[in-house]
Amino acid sequence: MFLVQKLTVPHISKLVGEIAPMIREGEIVRNRKTYPAPREAWIWAATRCLEARDAGKLTPPLTSHCYLLENITFWSPEKTAGTAVLPSPQPSPAGEGVSTKLRSGLGDLMEWSNGGQQ
């Protein structure tokens, strides 16, 4: 189960578009204070959101990015030290040649999480 399970693609696109500038800048501003937000912080914060959801402490759908951004304020490099970003998965023989928007989007996400290196 994913946080955005009932959202439409246009809505997901809108939500990602709202946080994309913060992701590109590598920092967020919360309560007039600036916090570092590299790729690792976004991954860590999203994981914390999923853990909260799974523990019953967070009920989707969320109405804003506040919970995600609040989690980023607690991130520090030590919290993700030694955590490797997984390499992009290789396509399986059964799915070879099949191109979908989901597969393309996941490929882009994996490339982004690996710092633009495939």
PDB file of N, CA and C in Angstrom:
ATOM      1  N   MET A   1       0.833  -1.172   0.000  1.00  0.00           N
ATOM      2  CA  MET A   1       0.000   0.000   0.000  1.00  0.00           C
ATOM      3  C   MET A   1       0.885   1.246   0.000  1.00  0.00           C
ATOM      4  N   PHE A   2       0.607   2.160  -0.864  1.00  0.00           N
ATOM      5  CA  PHE A   2       1.414   3.368  -1.003  1.00  0.00           C
ATOM      6  C   PHE A   2       0.577   4.566  -0.609  1.00  0.00           C
ATOM      7  N   LEU A   3       1.224   5.615  -0.167  1.00  0.00           N
ATOM      8  CA  LEU A   3       0.505   6.805   0.289  1.00  0.00           C
ATOM      9  C   LEU A   3      -0.416   7.410  -0.763  1.00  0.00           C
ATOM     10  N   VAL A   4      -0.087   7.276  -2.010  1.00  0.00           N
ATOM     11  CA  VAL A   4      -0.857   7.928  -3.048  1.00  0.00           C
ATOM     12  C   VAL A   4      -1.707   6.922  -3.833  1.00  0.00           C
ATOM     13  N   GLN A   5      -2.139   5.853  -3.207  1.00  0.00           N
ATOM     14  CA  GLN A   5      -2.828   4.782  -3.911  1.00  0.00           C
ATOM     15  C   GLN A   5      -4.091   5.215  -4.641  1.00  0.00           C
ATOM     16  N   LYS A   6      -4.812   6.218  -4.169  1.00  0.00           N
ATOM     17  CA  LYS A   6      -6.068   6.615  -4.785  1.00  0.00           C
ATOM     18  C   LYS A   6      -5.961   7.911  -5.571  1.00  0.00           C
ATOM     19  N   LEU A   7      -4.776   8.413  -5.776  1.00  0.00           N
ATOM     20  CA  LEU A   7      -4.602   9.666  -6.507  1.00  0.00           C
ATOM     21  C   LEU A   7      -4.514   9.398  -8.000  1.00  0.00           C
ATOM     22  N   THR A   8      -4.985  10.345  -8.782  1.00  0.00           N
ATOM     23  CA  THR A   8      -4.873  10.237 -10.230  1.00  0.00           C
ATOM     24  C   THR A   8      -3.483  10.713 -10.653  1.00  0.00           C
ATOM     25  N   VAL A   9      -3.092  10.333 -11.851  1.00  0.00           N
ATOM     26  CA  VAL A   9      -1.781  10.746 -12.363  1.00  0.00           C
ATOM     27  C   VAL A   9      -1.669  12.274 -12.420  1.00  0.00           C
ATOM     28  N   PRO A  10      -2.705  13.000 -12.892  1.00  0.00           N
ATOM     29  CA  PRO A  10      -2.580  14.462 -12.887  1.00  0.00           C
ATOM     30  C   PRO A  10      -2.399  15.035 -11.473  1.00  0.00           C
ATOM     31  N   HIS A  11      -3.075  14.450 -10.478  1.00  0.00           N
ATOM     32  CA  HIS A  11      -2.940  14.939  -9.107  1.00  0.00           C
ATOM     33  C   HIS A  11      -1.537  14.645  -8.572  1.00  0.00           C
ATOM     34  N   ILE A  12      -1.040  13.462  -8.848  1.00  0.00           N
ATOM     35  CA  ILE A  12       0.326  13.110  -8.428  1.00  0.00           C
ATOM     36  C   ILE A  12       1.315  14.076  -9.071  1.00  0.00           C
ATOM     37  N   SER A  13       1.114  14.353 -10.356  1.00  0.00           N
ATOM     38  CA  SER A  13       1.997  15.278 -11.066  1.00  0.00           C
ATOM     39  C   SER A  13       1.984  16.656 -10.416  1.00  0.00           C
ATOM     40  N   LYS A  14       0.800  17.118 -10.024  1.00  0.00           N
ATOM     41  CA  LYS A  14       0.671  18.420  -9.360  1.00  0.00           C
ATOM     42  C   LYS A  14       1.421  18.419  -8.032  1.00  0.00           C
ATOM     43  N   LEU A  15       1.248  17.351  -7.236  1.00  0.00           N
ATOM     44  CA  LEU A  15       1.904  17.270  -5.933  1.00  0.00           C
ATOM     45  C   LEU A  15       3.427  17.239  -6.074  1.00  0.00           C
ATOM     46  N   VAL A  16       3.912  16.445  -7.013  1.00  0.00           N
ATOM     47  CA  VAL A  16       5.360  16.378  -7.238  1.00  0.00           C
ATOM     48  C   VAL A  16       5.868  17.717  -7.744  1.00  0.00           C
ATOM     49  N   GLY A  17       5.083  18.373  -8.596  1.00  0.00           N
ATOM     50  CA  GLY A  17       5.478  19.695  -9.097  1.00  0.00           C
ATOM     51  C   GLY A  17       5.623  20.723  -7.986  1.00  0.00           C
ATOM     52  N   GLU A  18       4.835  20.572  -6.930  1.00  0.00           N
ATOM     53  CA  GLU A  18       4.912  21.499  -5.805  1.00  0.00           C
ATOM     54  C   GLU A  18       6.194  21.322  -4.988  1.00  0.00           C
ATOM     55  N   ILE A  19       6.701  20.095  -4.905  1.00  0.00           N
ATOM     56  CA  ILE A  19       7.914  19.875  -4.106  1.00  0.00           C
ATOM     57  C   ILE A  19       9.177  19.817  -4.959  1.00  0.00           C
ATOM     58  N   ALA A  20       9.019  19.711  -6.285  1.00  0.00           N
ATOM     59  CA  ALA A  20      10.182  19.607  -7.172  1.00  0.00           C
ATOM     60  C   ALA A  20      11.186  20.741  -6.990  1.00  0.00           C
ATOM     61  N   PRO A  21      10.748  22.010  -6.862  1.00  0.00           N
ATOM     62  CA  PRO A  21      11.744  23.071  -6.659  1.00  0.00           C
ATOM     63  C   PRO A  21      12.567  22.869  -5.383  1.00  0.00           C
ATOM     64  N   MET A  22      11.928  22.385  -4.328  1.00  0.00           N
ATOM     65  CA  MET A  22      12.663  22.145  -3.075  1.00  0.00           C
ATOM     66  C   MET A  22      13.662  21.005  -3.254  1.00  0.00           C
ATOM     67  N   ILE A  23      13.248  19.980  -3.999  1.00  0.00           N
ATOM     68  CA  ILE A  23      14.151  18.850  -4.244  1.00  0.00           C
ATOM     69  C   ILE A  23      15.351  19.325  -5.042  1.00  0.00           C
ATOM     70  N   ARG A  24      15.098  20.125  -6.104  1.00  0.00           N
ATOM     71  CA  ARG A  24      16.206  20.633  -6.927  1.00  0.00           C
ATOM     72  C   ARG A  24      17.140  21.530  -6.130  1.00  0.00           C
ATOM     73  N   GLU A  25      16.584  22.373  -5.255  1.00  0.00           N
ATOM     74  CA  GLU A  25      17.403  23.290  -4.458  1.00  0.00           C
ATOM     75  C   GLU A  25      18.198  22.564  -3.378  1.00  0.00           C
ATOM     76  N   GLY A  26      17.706  21.403  -2.961  1.00  0.00           N
ATOM     77  CA  GLY A  26      18.410  20.646  -1.932  1.00  0.00           C
ATOM     78  C   GLY A  26      18.249  21.228  -0.542  1.00  0.00           C
ATOM     79  N   GLU A  27      17.181  22.015  -0.367  1.00  0.00           N
ATOM     80  CA  GLU A  27      16.892  22.560   0.955  1.00  0.00           C
ATOM     81  C   GLU A  27      15.415  22.930   1.038  1.00  0.00           C
ATOM     82  N   ILE A  28      14.925  23.026   2.268  1.00  0.00           N
ATOM     83  CA  ILE A  28      13.547  23.459   2.493  1.00  0.00           C
ATOM     84  C   ILE A  28      13.561  24.588   3.516  1.00  0.00           C
ATOM     85  N   VAL A  29      12.495  25.382   3.518  1.00  0.00           N
ATOM     86  CA  VAL A  29      12.323  26.422   4.522  1.00  0.00           C
ATOM     87  C   VAL A  29      11.067  26.069   5.304  1.00  0.00           C
ATOM     88  N   ARG A  30      11.224  25.987   6.601  1.00  0.00           N
ATOM     89  CA  ARG A  30      10.118  25.617   7.478  1.00  0.00           C
ATOM     90  C   ARG A  30      10.155  26.547   8.678  1.00  0.00           C
ATOM     91  N   ASN A  31       9.072  27.246   8.961  1.00  0.00           N
ATOM     92  CA  ASN A  31       9.019  28.206  10.068  1.00  0.00           C
ATOM     93  C   ASN A  31      10.170  29.205  10.001  1.00  0.00           C
ATOM     94  N   ARG A  32      10.406  29.711   8.800  1.00  0.00           N
ATOM     95  CA  ARG A  32      11.449  30.714   8.531  1.00  0.00           C
ATOM     96  C   ARG A  32      12.872  30.227   8.808  1.00  0.00           C
ATOM     97  N   LYS A  33      13.058  28.927   8.882  1.00  0.00           N
ATOM     98  CA  LYS A  33      14.387  28.361   9.077  1.00  0.00           C
ATOM     99  C   LYS A  33      14.693  27.441   7.894  1.00  0.00           C
ATOM    100  N   THR A  34      15.933  27.505   7.410  1.00  0.00           N
ATOM    101  CA  THR A  34      16.341  26.690   6.266  1.00  0.00           C
ATOM    102  C   THR A  34      16.981  25.392   6.747  1.00  0.00           C
ATOM    103  N   TYR A  35      16.579  24.281   6.118  1.00  0.00           N
ATOM    104  CA  TYR A  35      17.099  22.953   6.459  1.00  0.00           C
ATOM    105  C   TYR A  35      17.689  22.320   5.203  1.00  0.00           C
ATOM    106  N   PRO A  36      18.804  21.585   5.344  1.00  0.00           N
ATOM    107  CA  PRO A  36      19.338  20.877   4.177  1.00  0.00           C
ATOM    108  C   PRO A  36      18.389  19.750   3.786  1.00  0.00           C
ATOM    109  N   ALA A  37      18.251  19.538   2.479  1.00  0.00           N
ATOM    110  CA  ALA A  37      17.360  18.481   1.999  1.00  0.00           C
ATOM    111  C   ALA A  37      17.926  17.825   0.741  1.00  0.00           C
ATOM    112  N   PRO A  38      19.057  17.117   0.884  1.00  0.00           N
ATOM    113  CA  PRO A  38      19.587  16.386  -0.271  1.00  0.00           C
ATOM    114  C   PRO A  38      18.699  15.165  -0.564  1.00  0.00           C
ATOM    115  N   ARG A  39      18.998  14.458  -1.634  1.00  0.00           N
ATOM    116  CA  ARG A  39      18.228  13.267  -2.019  1.00  0.00           C
ATOM    117  C   ARG A  39      18.008  12.326  -0.849  1.00  0.00           C
ATOM    118  N   GLU A  40      19.052  12.087  -0.071  1.00  0.00           N
ATOM    119  CA  GLU A  40      18.954  11.148   1.050  1.00  0.00           C
ATOM    120  C   GLU A  40      17.903  11.590   2.063  1.00  0.00           C
ATOM    121  N   ALA A  41      17.779  12.904   2.266  1.00  0.00           N
ATOM    122  CA  ALA A  41      16.793  13.419   3.225  1.00  0.00           C
ATOM    123  C   ALA A  41      15.376  13.153   2.737  1.00  0.00           C
ATOM    124  N   TRP A  42      15.130  13.335   1.439  1.00  0.00           N
ATOM    125  CA  TRP A  42      13.806  13.082   0.875  1.00  0.00           C
ATOM    126  C   TRP A  42      13.445  11.604   0.983  1.00  0.00           C
ATOM    127  N   ILE A  43      14.402  10.745   0.685  1.00  0.00           N
ATOM    128  CA  ILE A  43      14.161   9.301   0.774  1.00  0.00           C
ATOM    129  C   ILE A  43      13.901   8.906   2.224  1.00  0.00           C
ATOM    130  N   TRP A  44      14.708   9.429   3.138  1.00  0.00           N
ATOM    131  CA  TRP A  44      14.548   9.126   4.563  1.00  0.00           C
ATOM    132  C   TRP A  44      13.187   9.608   5.065  1.00  0.00           C
ATOM    133  N   ALA A  45      12.801  10.830   4.704  1.00  0.00           N
ATOM    134  CA  ALA A  45      11.538  11.396   5.166  1.00  0.00           C
ATOM    135  C   ALA A  45      10.346  10.634   4.588  1.00  0.00           C
ATOM    136  N   ALA A  46      10.412  10.260   3.312  1.00  0.00           N
ATOM    137  CA  ALA A  46       9.322   9.495   2.697  1.00  0.00           C
ATOM    138  C   ALA A  46       9.190   8.138   3.379  1.00  0.00           C
ATOM    139  N   THR A  47      10.315   7.535   3.724  1.00  0.00           N
ATOM    140  CA  THR A  47      10.288   6.253   4.431  1.00  0.00           C
ATOM    141  C   THR A  47       9.643   6.410   5.801  1.00  0.00           C
ATOM    142  N   ARG A  48       9.957   7.500   6.483  1.00  0.00           N
ATOM    143  CA  ARG A  48       9.331   7.763   7.796  1.00  0.00           C
ATOM    144  C   ARG A  48       7.817   7.924   7.654  1.00  0.00           C
ATOM    145  N   CYS A  49       7.376   8.569   6.580  1.00  0.00           N
ATOM    146  CA  CYS A  49       5.931   8.723   6.335  1.00  0.00           C
ATOM    147  C   CYS A  49       5.281   7.351   6.143  1.00  0.00           C
ATOM    148  N   LEU A  50       5.926   6.492   5.369  1.00  0.00           N
ATOM    149  CA  LEU A  50       5.389   5.147   5.140  1.00  0.00           C
ATOM    150  C   LEU A  50       5.353   4.347   6.433  1.00  0.00           C
ATOM    151  N   GLU A  51       6.394   4.481   7.251  1.00  0.00           N
ATOM    152  CA  GLU A  51       6.419   3.778   8.539  1.00  0.00           C
ATOM    153  C   GLU A  51       5.298   4.261   9.448  1.00  0.00           C
ATOM    154  N   ALA A  52       5.052   5.567   9.465  1.00  0.00           N
ATOM    155  CA  ALA A  52       3.969   6.126  10.287  1.00  0.00           C
ATOM    156  C   ALA A  52       2.621   5.617   9.791  1.00  0.00           C
ATOM    157  N   ARG A  53       2.452   5.576   8.485  1.00  0.00           N
ATOM    158  CA  ARG A  53       1.209   5.054   7.917  1.00  0.00           C
ATOM    159  C   ARG A  53       1.000   3.592   8.317  1.00  0.00           C
ATOM    160  N   ASP A  54       2.057   2.791   8.175  1.00  0.00           N
ATOM    161  CA  ASP A  54       1.966   1.366   8.498  1.00  0.00           C
ATOM    162  C   ASP A  54       1.712   1.128   9.983  1.00  0.00           C
ATOM    163  N   ALA A  55       2.168   2.052  10.823  1.00  0.00           N
ATOM    164  CA  ALA A  55       1.957   1.929  12.279  1.00  0.00           C
ATOM    165  C   ALA A  55       0.602   2.496  12.704  1.00  0.00           C
ATOM    166  N   GLY A  56      -0.165   3.002  11.744  1.00  0.00           N
ATOM    167  CA  GLY A  56      -1.481   3.557  12.055  1.00  0.00           C
ATOM    168  C   GLY A  56      -1.450   4.958  12.627  1.00  0.00           C
ATOM    169  N   LYS A  57      -0.288   5.630  12.522  1.00  0.00           N
ATOM    170  CA  LYS A  57      -0.153   6.990  13.055  1.00  0.00           C
ATOM    171  C   LYS A  57      -0.428   8.061  12.004  1.00  0.00           C
ATOM    172  N   LEU A  58      -0.648   7.632  10.784  1.00  0.00           N
ATOM    173  CA  LEU A  58      -0.847   8.556   9.674  1.00  0.00           C
ATOM    174  C   LEU A  58      -1.896   7.951   8.756  1.00  0.00           C
ATOM    175  N   THR A  59      -2.930   8.703   8.470  1.00  0.00           N
ATOM    176  CA  THR A  59      -3.998   8.195   7.622  1.00  0.00           C
ATOM    177  C   THR A  59      -4.056   8.986   6.325  1.00  0.00           C
ATOM    178  N   PRO A  60      -3.685   8.346   5.221  1.00  0.00           N
ATOM    179  CA  PRO A  60      -3.788   9.029   3.944  1.00  0.00           C
ATOM    180  C   PRO A  60      -5.241   9.135   3.506  1.00  0.00           C
ATOM    181  N   PRO A  61      -5.594  10.030   2.634  1.00  0.00           N
ATOM    182  CA  PRO A  61      -4.687  10.941   1.947  1.00  0.00           C
ATOM    183  C   PRO A  61      -4.367  12.165   2.797  1.00  0.00           C
ATOM    184  N   LEU A  62      -3.159  12.644   2.646  1.00  0.00           N
ATOM    185  CA  LEU A  62      -2.735  13.854   3.343  1.00  0.00           C
ATOM    186  C   LEU A  62      -3.179  15.065   2.530  1.00  0.00           C
ATOM    187  N   THR A  63      -3.425  16.157   3.194  1.00  0.00           N
ATOM    188  CA  THR A  63      -3.911  17.349   2.491  1.00  0.00           C
ATOM    189  C   THR A  63      -2.810  18.348   2.165  1.00  0.00           C
ATOM    190  N   SER A  64      -1.603  18.106   2.664  1.00  0.00           N
ATOM    191  CA  SER A  64      -0.491  19.011   2.383  1.00  0.00           C
ATOM    192  C   SER A  64       0.818  18.235   2.477  1.00  0.00           C
ATOM    193  N   HIS A  65       1.914  18.947   2.220  1.00  0.00           N
ATOM    194  CA  HIS A  65       3.246  18.351   2.308  1.00  0.00           C
ATOM    195  C   HIS A  65       3.853  18.528   3.697  1.00  0.00           C
ATOM    196  N   CYS A  66       3.083  19.078   4.624  1.00  0.00           N
ATOM    197  CA  CYS A  66       3.620  19.436   5.939  1.00  0.00           C
ATOM    198  C   CYS A  66       4.262  18.266   6.676  1.00  0.00           C
ATOM    199  N   TYR A  67       3.639  17.102   6.662  1.00  0.00           N
ATOM    200  CA  TYR A  67       4.191  15.956   7.402  1.00  0.00           C
ATOM    201  C   TYR A  67       5.531  15.537   6.810  1.00  0.00           C
ATOM    202  N   LEU A  68       5.607  15.484   5.495  1.00  0.00           N
ATOM    203  CA  LEU A  68       6.861  15.143   4.820  1.00  0.00           C
ATOM    204  C   LEU A  68       7.936  16.178   5.133  1.00  0.00           C
ATOM    205  N   LEU A  69       7.591  17.451   5.007  1.00  0.00           N
ATOM    206  CA  LEU A  69       8.563  18.513   5.258  1.00  0.00           C
ATOM    207  C   LEU A  69       9.007  18.539   6.717  1.00  0.00           C
ATOM    208  N   GLU A  70       8.080  18.291   7.631  1.00  0.00           N
ATOM    209  CA  GLU A  70       8.440  18.253   9.051  1.00  0.00           C
ATOM    210  C   GLU A  70       9.453  17.138   9.310  1.00  0.00           C
ATOM    211  N   ASN A  71       9.262  15.984   8.658  1.00  0.00           N
ATOM    212  CA  ASN A  71      10.220  14.895   8.807  1.00  0.00           C
ATOM    213  C   ASN A  71      11.597  15.302   8.304  1.00  0.00           C
ATOM    214  N   ILE A  72      11.642  16.053   7.217  1.00  0.00           N
ATOM    215  CA  ILE A  72      12.941  16.481   6.679  1.00  0.00           C
ATOM    216  C   ILE A  72      13.679  17.354   7.692  1.00  0.00           C
ATOM    217  N   THR A  73      12.953  18.121   8.505  1.00  0.00           N
ATOM    218  CA  THR A  73      13.621  18.971   9.497  1.00  0.00           C
ATOM    219  C   THR A  73      14.368  18.141  10.531  1.00  0.00           C
ATOM    220  N   PHE A  74      14.014  16.877  10.681  1.00  0.00           N
ATOM    221  CA  PHE A  74      14.686  15.994  11.648  1.00  0.00           C
ATOM    222  C   PHE A  74      15.812  15.184  11.023  1.00  0.00           C
ATOM    223  N   TRP A  75      15.988  15.279   9.706  1.00  0.00           N
ATOM    224  CA  TRP A  75      17.026  14.513   9.029  1.00  0.00           C
ATOM    225  C   TRP A  75      18.404  15.093   9.325  1.00  0.00           C
ATOM    226  N   SER A  76      19.384  14.210   9.423  1.00  0.00           N
ATOM    227  CA  SER A  76      20.785  14.623   9.501  1.00  0.00           C
ATOM    228  C   SER A  76      21.594  13.600   8.720  1.00  0.00           C
ATOM    229  N   PRO A  77      22.763  13.984   8.213  1.00  0.00           N
ATOM    230  CA  PRO A  77      23.567  13.047   7.426  1.00  0.00           C
ATOM    231  C   PRO A  77      23.856  11.734   8.162  1.00  0.00           C
ATOM    232  N   GLU A  78      23.970  11.804   9.473  1.00  0.00           N
ATOM    233  CA  GLU A  78      24.267  10.591  10.247  1.00  0.00           C
ATOM    234  C   GLU A  78      23.136   9.561  10.140  1.00  0.00           C
ATOM    235  N   LYS A  79      21.915  10.025   9.930  1.00  0.00           N
ATOM    236  CA  LYS A  79      20.761   9.118   9.876  1.00  0.00           C
ATOM    237  C   LYS A  79      20.753   8.263   8.622  1.00  0.00           C
ATOM    238  N   THR A  80      21.475   8.687   7.591  1.00  0.00           N
ATOM    239  CA  THR A  80      21.535   7.897   6.366  1.00  0.00           C
ATOM    240  C   THR A  80      22.957   7.487   6.015  1.00  0.00           C
ATOM    241  N   ALA A  81      23.894   7.733   6.925  1.00  0.00           N
ATOM    242  CA  ALA A  81      25.282   7.339   6.679  1.00  0.00           C
ATOM    243  C   ALA A  81      25.354   5.825   6.519  1.00  0.00           C
ATOM    244  N   GLY A  82      26.068   5.397   5.517  1.00  0.00           N
ATOM    245  CA  GLY A  82      26.222   3.965   5.284  1.00  0.00           C
ATOM    246  C   GLY A  82      25.046   3.340   4.559  1.00  0.00           C
ATOM    247  N   THR A  83      24.037   4.135   4.252  1.00  0.00           N
ATOM    248  CA  THR A  83      22.898   3.614   3.513  1.00  0.00           C
ATOM    249  C   THR A  83      23.140   3.849   2.039  1.00  0.00           C
ATOM    250  N   ALA A  84      23.291   2.784   1.309  1.00  0.00           N
ATOM    251  CA  ALA A  84      23.540   2.906  -0.120  1.00  0.00           C
ATOM    252  C   ALA A  84      22.230   3.036  -0.870  1.00  0.00           C
ATOM    253  N   VAL A  85      22.242   3.861  -1.888  1.00  0.00           N
ATOM    254  CA  VAL A  85      21.098   3.940  -2.783  1.00  0.00           C
ATOM    255  C   VAL A  85      21.223   2.776  -3.740  1.00  0.00           C
ATOM    256  N   LEU A  86      20.177   1.969  -3.840  1.00  0.00           N
ATOM    257  CA  LEU A  86      20.216   0.769  -4.658  1.00  0.00           C
ATOM    258  C   LEU A  86      20.375   1.098  -6.127  1.00  0.00           C
ATOM    259  N   PRO A  87      21.095   0.232  -6.870  1.00  0.00           N
ATOM    260  CA  PRO A  87      21.221   0.463  -8.308  1.00  0.00           C
ATOM    261  C   PRO A  87      19.893   0.210  -9.004  1.00  0.00           C
ATOM    262  N   SER A  88      19.774   0.751 -10.190  1.00  0.00           N
ATOM    263  CA  SER A  88      18.549   0.547 -10.971  1.00  0.00           C
ATOM    264  C   SER A  88      18.386  -0.929 -11.283  1.00  0.00           C
ATOM    265  N   PRO A  89      17.172  -1.450 -11.106  1.00  0.00           N
ATOM    266  CA  PRO A  89      16.948  -2.860 -11.426  1.00  0.00           C
ATOM    267  C   PRO A  89      17.035  -3.100 -12.925  1.00  0.00           C
ATOM    268  N   GLN A  90      17.510  -4.273 -13.289  1.00  0.00           N
ATOM    269  CA  GLN A  90      17.585  -4.647 -14.686  1.00  0.00           C
ATOM    270  C   GLN A  90      16.232  -5.192 -15.119  1.00  0.00           C
ATOM    271  N   PRO A  91      15.805  -4.903 -16.359  1.00  0.00           N
ATOM    272  CA  PRO A  91      14.511  -5.405 -16.804  1.00  0.00           C
ATOM    273  C   PRO A  91      14.497  -6.923 -16.847  1.00  0.00           C
ATOM    274  N   SER A  92      13.356  -7.491 -16.482  1.00  0.00           N
ATOM    275  CA  SER A  92      13.219  -8.946 -16.520  1.00  0.00           C
ATOM    276  C   SER A  92      12.937  -9.378 -17.946  1.00  0.00           C
ATOM    277  N   PRO A  93      13.343 -10.593 -18.309  1.00  0.00           N
ATOM    278  CA  PRO A  93      13.108 -11.077 -19.677  1.00  0.00           C
ATOM    279  C   PRO A  93      11.630 -11.052 -20.049  1.00  0.00           C
ATOM    280  N   ALA A  94      10.734 -11.334 -19.102  1.00  0.00           N
ATOM    281  CA  ALA A  94       9.298 -11.374 -19.397  1.00  0.00           C
ATOM    282  C   ALA A  94       8.760  -9.997 -19.752  1.00  0.00           C
ATOM    283  N   GLY A  95       9.320  -8.949 -19.168  1.00  0.00           N
ATOM    284  CA  GLY A  95       8.812  -7.605 -19.404  1.00  0.00           C
ATOM    285  C   GLY A  95       9.629  -6.818 -20.402  1.00  0.00           C
ATOM    286  N   GLU A  96      10.615  -7.478 -21.029  1.00  0.00           N
ATOM    287  CA  GLU A  96      11.493  -6.796 -21.949  1.00  0.00           C
ATOM    288  C   GLU A  96      10.726  -6.223 -23.129  1.00  0.00           C
ATOM    289  N   GLY A  97      11.022  -5.007 -23.483  1.00  0.00           N
ATOM    290  CA  GLY A  97      10.403  -4.391 -24.629  1.00  0.00           C
ATOM    291  C   GLY A  97       9.068  -3.724 -24.329  1.00  0.00           C
ATOM    292  N   VAL A  98       8.527  -3.941 -23.142  1.00  0.00           N
ATOM    293  CA  VAL A  98       7.255  -3.331 -22.791  1.00  0.00           C
ATOM    294  C   VAL A  98       7.541  -1.984 -22.150  1.00  0.00           C
ATOM    295  N   SER A  99       7.063  -0.915 -22.777  1.00  0.00           N
ATOM    296  CA  SER A  99       7.298   0.420 -22.258  1.00  0.00           C
ATOM    297  C   SER A  99       5.983   0.985 -21.745  1.00  0.00           C
ATOM    298  N   THR A 100       5.972   1.378 -20.484  1.00  0.00           N
ATOM    299  CA  THR A 100       4.780   1.975 -19.902  1.00  0.00           C
ATOM    300  C   THR A 100       5.174   3.267 -19.209  1.00  0.00           C
ATOM    301  N   LYS A 101       4.176   4.113 -18.937  1.00  0.00           N
ATOM    302  CA  LYS A 101       4.451   5.347 -18.213  1.00  0.00           C
ATOM    303  C   LYS A 101       4.980   5.044 -16.825  1.00  0.00           C
ATOM    304  N   LEU A 102       4.417   4.006 -16.190  1.00  0.00           N
ATOM    305  CA  LEU A 102       4.872   3.637 -14.853  1.00  0.00           C
ATOM    306  C   LEU A 102       6.329   3.202 -14.886  1.00  0.00           C
ATOM    307  N   ARG A 103       6.677   2.329 -15.831  1.00  0.00           N
ATOM    308  CA  ARG A 103       8.063   1.847 -15.939  1.00  0.00           C
ATOM    309  C   ARG A 103       9.001   3.012 -16.223  1.00  0.00           C
ATOM    310  N   SER A 104       8.586   3.925 -17.106  1.00  0.00           N
ATOM    311  CA  SER A 104       9.409   5.085 -17.428  1.00  0.00           C
ATOM    312  C   SER A 104       9.581   5.979 -16.206  1.00  0.00           C
ATOM    313  N   GLY A 105       8.478   6.219 -15.488  1.00  0.00           N
ATOM    314  CA  GLY A 105       8.540   7.061 -14.291  1.00  0.00           C
ATOM    315  C   GLY A 105       9.409   6.451 -13.212  1.00  0.00           C
ATOM    316  N   LEU A 106       9.282   5.140 -13.019  1.00  0.00           N
ATOM    317  CA  LEU A 106      10.121   4.466 -12.018  1.00  0.00           C
ATOM    318  C   LEU A 106      11.587   4.513 -12.421  1.00  0.00           C
ATOM    319  N   GLY A 107      11.834   4.370 -13.722  1.00  0.00           N
ATOM    320  CA  GLY A 107      13.215   4.468 -14.203  1.00  0.00           C
ATOM    321  C   GLY A 107      13.798   5.850 -13.928  1.00  0.00           C
ATOM    322  N   ASP A 108      12.995   6.885 -14.169  1.00  0.00           N
ATOM    323  CA  ASP A 108      13.443   8.252 -13.891  1.00  0.00           C
ATOM    324  C   ASP A 108      13.693   8.449 -12.397  1.00  0.00           C
ATOM    325  N   LEU A 109      12.796   7.894 -11.564  1.00  0.00           N
ATOM    326  CA  LEU A 109      12.956   8.000 -10.115  1.00  0.00           C
ATOM    327  C   LEU A 109      14.230   7.299  -9.655  1.00  0.00           C
ATOM    328  N   MET A 110      14.504   6.121 -10.192  1.00  0.00           N
ATOM    329  CA  MET A 110      15.710   5.401  -9.818  1.00  0.00           C
ATOM    330  C   MET A 110      16.962   6.175 -10.257  1.00  0.00           C
ATOM    331  N   GLU A 111      16.898   6.741 -11.462  1.00  0.00           N
ATOM    332  CA  GLU A 111      18.043   7.536 -11.941  1.00  0.00           C
ATOM    333  C   GLU A 111      18.283   8.719 -11.010  1.00  0.00           C
ATOM    334  N   TRP A 112      17.186   9.407 -10.619  1.00  0.00           N
ATOM    335  CA  TRP A 112      17.300  10.542  -9.714  1.00  0.00           C
ATOM    336  C   TRP A 112      17.885  10.109  -8.374  1.00  0.00           C
ATOM    337  N   SER A 113      17.410   8.973  -7.840  1.00  0.00           N
ATOM    338  CA  SER A 113      17.891   8.520  -6.532  1.00  0.00           C
ATOM    339  C   SER A 113      19.349   8.111  -6.560  1.00  0.00           C
ATOM    340  N   ASN A 114      19.848   7.780  -7.750  1.00  0.00           N
ATOM    341  CA  ASN A 114      21.256   7.428  -7.896  1.00  0.00           C
ATOM    342  C   ASN A 114      22.113   8.615  -8.332  1.00  0.00           C
ATOM    343  N   GLY A 115      21.570   9.797  -8.218  1.00  0.00           N
ATOM    344  CA  GLY A 115      22.333  11.003  -8.543  1.00  0.00           C
ATOM    345  C   GLY A 115      22.516  11.219 -10.024  1.00  0.00           C
ATOM    346  N   GLY A 116      21.579  10.701 -10.821  1.00  0.00           N
ATOM    347  CA  GLY A 116      21.648  10.900 -12.259  1.00  0.00           C
ATOM    348  C   GLY A 116      22.571   9.937 -12.953  1.00  0.00           C
ATOM    349  N   GLN A 117      23.034   8.906 -12.237  1.00  0.00           N
ATOM    350  CA  GLN A 117      23.956   7.945 -12.818  1.00  0.00           C
ATOM    351  C   GLN A 117      23.274   6.595 -12.926  1.00  0.00           C
ATOM    352  N   GLN A 118      23.224   6.040 -14.106  1.00  0.00           N
ATOM    353  CA  GLN A 118      22.633   4.716 -14.304  1.00  0.00           C
ATOM    354  C   GLN A 118      23.707   3.668 -14.259  1.00  0.00           C
TER     355      GLN A 118
END
